[in-house]
Protein backbone atom coordinates (compact mmCIF):
# COMPACT_ATOMS: atom_id res chain seq x y z
CA MET A 1 -7.10 -26.33 36.54
CA PHE A 2 -6.09 -28.63 39.35
CA LYS A 3 -7.63 -28.82 42.81
CA ILE A 4 -7.04 -25.92 45.21
CA SER A 5 -7.12 -26.75 48.93
CA VAL A 6 -6.85 -24.51 51.97
CA LYS A 7 -5.09 -25.59 55.15
CA ARG A 8 -3.66 -24.11 58.33
CA ILE A 9 0.11 -24.19 58.25
CA TYR A 10 0.06 -25.78 61.71
CA GLU A 11 -1.48 -28.96 60.25
CA VAL A 12 0.87 -31.80 59.31
CA PRO A 13 1.95 -31.71 55.65
CA SER A 14 0.51 -34.45 53.46
CA PRO A 15 1.47 -35.79 50.03
CA ASP A 16 -2.10 -34.90 49.01
CA ASP A 17 -1.27 -31.20 49.55
CA GLY A 18 0.46 -30.97 46.21
CA PHE A 19 2.31 -27.65 45.75
CA ARG A 20 2.28 -25.90 49.16
CA ILE A 21 2.03 -22.10 49.07
CA LEU A 22 2.10 -19.91 52.17
CA VAL A 23 -0.19 -16.94 51.48
CA ASP A 24 0.51 -14.93 54.67
CA ARG A 25 2.53 -11.72 54.67
CA ILE A 26 4.17 -12.59 58.01
CA TRP A 27 5.95 -15.86 58.81
CA PRO A 28 3.78 -17.95 61.21
CA ARG A 29 4.92 -18.18 64.81
CA GLY A 30 6.41 -21.43 66.01
CA VAL A 31 6.82 -23.01 62.57
CA SER A 32 10.27 -23.74 61.20
CA LYS A 33 10.92 -23.63 57.48
CA GLN A 34 11.52 -27.37 57.56
CA GLU A 35 8.20 -28.05 59.34
CA ALA A 36 6.36 -25.80 56.89
CA ALA A 37 7.53 -27.89 53.92
CA LEU A 38 6.78 -24.99 51.58
CA ASP A 39 7.21 -24.89 47.86
CA LEU A 40 6.56 -21.14 47.71
CA TRP A 41 5.96 -18.22 50.06
CA LEU A 42 3.76 -15.81 48.09
CA LYS A 43 3.52 -13.02 50.67
CA ASP A 44 2.55 -10.35 48.12
CA ILE A 45 -0.84 -12.01 47.59
CA ALA A 46 -1.79 -11.64 51.26
CA PRO A 47 -3.91 -8.71 52.43
CA THR A 48 -1.95 -5.49 52.92
CA THR A 49 -0.65 -4.77 56.40
CA GLU A 50 -3.29 -2.05 56.75
CA LEU A 51 -6.18 -4.39 55.87
CA ARG A 52 -4.80 -7.24 58.00
CA GLN A 53 -4.46 -4.98 61.05
CA TRP A 54 -7.93 -3.51 60.53
CA PHE A 55 -9.49 -6.99 60.34
CA HIS A 56 -7.63 -8.31 63.40
CA HIS A 57 -8.91 -5.41 65.49
CA GLN A 58 -12.56 -6.14 64.66
CA THR A 59 -15.09 -8.44 66.23
CA VAL A 60 -15.99 -10.60 63.26
CA ASN A 61 -19.64 -10.38 62.31
CA GLU A 62 -21.42 -10.49 58.97
CA ASP A 63 -20.85 -6.79 58.18
CA VAL A 64 -17.16 -6.86 59.10
CA TRP A 65 -16.63 -10.03 57.07
CA LYS A 66 -18.39 -8.55 54.02
CA THR A 67 -16.28 -5.39 54.27
CA PHE A 68 -13.10 -7.46 54.54
CA GLN A 69 -14.15 -9.58 51.54
CA GLN A 70 -14.73 -6.51 49.39
CA ARG A 71 -11.53 -4.76 50.43
CA TYR A 72 -9.42 -7.88 49.85
CA HIS A 73 -11.11 -8.50 46.49
CA ASP A 74 -10.22 -4.92 45.51
CA GLU A 75 -6.61 -5.52 46.56
CA LEU A 76 -6.45 -8.71 44.50
CA GLN A 77 -7.82 -6.85 41.46
CA GLY A 78 -4.86 -4.48 41.71
CA ASN A 79 -2.30 -7.20 42.36
CA GLY A 80 -2.02 -8.76 38.91
CA GLU A 81 1.52 -10.08 39.17
CA ALA A 82 1.00 -12.14 42.34
CA VAL A 83 -2.40 -13.36 41.12
CA GLN A 84 -0.81 -14.51 37.84
CA VAL A 85 1.89 -16.41 39.71
CA LEU A 86 -0.76 -18.22 41.74
CA GLN A 87 -2.93 -18.91 38.70
CA ARG A 88 0.04 -20.40 36.87
CA HIS A 89 0.74 -22.81 39.73
CA CYS A 90 -2.95 -23.76 39.95
CA ALA A 91 -2.89 -24.58 36.24
CA GLU A 92 0.20 -26.79 36.61
CA HIS A 93 -0.55 -28.94 39.68
CA PRO A 94 -2.74 -29.36 42.78
CA VAL A 95 -2.14 -26.48 45.20
CA THR A 96 -2.67 -26.04 48.93
CA LEU A 97 -2.94 -22.46 50.18
CA LEU A 98 -1.47 -22.26 53.68
CA TYR A 99 -2.44 -19.65 56.27
CA SER A 100 -1.89 -19.18 60.01
CA ALA A 101 -5.16 -17.55 61.17
CA ARG A 102 -7.08 -19.37 63.89
CA ASP A 103 -10.47 -18.76 62.28
CA MET A 104 -10.86 -21.47 59.66
CA ALA A 105 -13.99 -19.92 58.12
CA HIS A 106 -13.12 -16.21 58.11
CA ASN A 107 -9.66 -15.89 56.61
CA HIS A 108 -8.14 -14.54 53.43
CA ALA A 109 -6.99 -17.94 52.15
CA GLN A 110 -10.61 -19.06 51.75
CA LEU A 111 -11.38 -15.85 49.85
CA LEU A 112 -8.27 -16.25 47.71
CA LYS A 113 -9.27 -19.80 46.76
CA SER A 114 -12.72 -18.59 45.67
CA TYR A 115 -11.21 -15.67 43.76
CA ILE A 116 -8.83 -17.90 41.79
CA GLU A 117 -11.51 -20.51 41.08
CA GLU A 118 -13.88 -17.82 39.79
CA ARG A 119 -11.20 -16.36 37.53
CA GLN A 120 -10.36 -19.78 36.13
CA GLY A 121 -13.96 -20.87 35.71
CA ALA A 122 -13.85 -23.77 38.18
């Protein structure tokens, strides 16, 4: 498996990014498709609209974050097709998971990276 990185889509693309995958369900505000320099938009791997809205209406603390982690993990377990697509790309080349959330520590892209690495034994 190649390296998996996580980056906000608002950061400047870099050759080191490798294969750039947007993992948000909604297109990020203020970013053109050209600026995004995407290789793939894998919106089906993002949290469901229901989970995303629930999380965005919470004040993030340890309990809320743990609940979000568990709920998103459960969603990923039931989302085999999108997970397989991502795993295939991670096996073929370096990948950067792109997200638009402001919180760099508490976002689904970080969880997704950990989930894929655990499944692939990294």
